[in-house]
Amino acid sequence: MQSNKIKINDTSYFTTYLLESKISMNTYKKRPALIVCPGGAYLFKATKEGESVAIEFLSRGYNTFILNYSTLFPDRESFEMRSGENSDILYPKQVIELLEVINIVKKNSDEWGIDKDKIFILGFSAGGHVAGSVAVHWNNNAMLQYLTFIPENEELKPSGVILCYPMLNGDILKYIQTDERKEISNQHSYIKKVIGGLENSQDHKMHGLDLSQFITSETPPIFLWHTTEDRITRAEDTTLFVSRLLKEGVPCEYHLFMKGKHGMGLCNSVAAKNSSDINESCSYWINLADNWMRGIKK
């Protein structure tokens, strides 16, 4: 396996996890790619939603990437840690960064042993908002004007998008502000520095936080999973999002589990902070998503 960090800009980079393309004498294999976007409320990166996820899918034959997109706190792995703040982090900068990574992966597909027709993106929570934004904005000129390159045709359209307990609109600000847990409600003013004011933005061509309003028949296939007990992002929002996908004829698969808190990642012991991060039923999402990606034909 080869692993490298590649800089995107002054506040973001991505990490590669590449399997050897040579599988036997004179035999080479091109693999699907999966770009992982950890959550963290746009404030930091949730570590358990990064490397452990990339390695899990690497073991299943994917070349994987972790996007360390721009967040308010560049050197923190949790809200409790203290560090300086980034100033240049206003959404949709993170979406532009993911689009840039898709372009880099496609440009290097031969060297990295990647099937460029099978490039998937996966996001957790706020990372799901980044991935979901690409799903609905990959061909939006209001967004594409900020790229460092000119995309061709459907170059930036993912083969499929996996959204894990995703943030799908600006209601997360309301949910967090009214949460009785101080460690959650205290994040409200910080999150507003990244997405605040945009929930009522007049520039809905790009800045609207409610992703369902941008779904069209051009939206790529989407896989989603959530739990009814999630108190940070809501299953109601995900279900409404799925309804809009169905209305627009977008292929989708949706799994709603009864039990489980927000932020469980793989839902197994590999990167669990404590026992509440382990949920055997929810851990099936890994197999379900793997099977779903293998069934996508482009």
Foldseek 3Di string as FASTA:
>chain_A
DDWDWADDDPAWIKIWAFDFQDPDVVHGAAFAEEEEEADALLAAGQVLQFPVLCVVVVVVGHTYMYIRFGGQARPDNHPPDDDHGDQPAAPPSRLLSVLVVLLVCLVCRVVRRHDNLRYEYEYAAARLLSQLLCLLCVPQPVSVVPHPDDDDDCSSAHLEYEYELYDQAPCLLVLQCPDPDCSRNVCNVVSLSHLNPLCPDPPVSGRHRRSLVRDALSRHEYEYEEECAESRRHPVSVVVSVVSCVVRVHHYHYYYHHDAYGDLNLQPDPSDPDNRSHDVVVNCVSVVVVVVSVPRDD
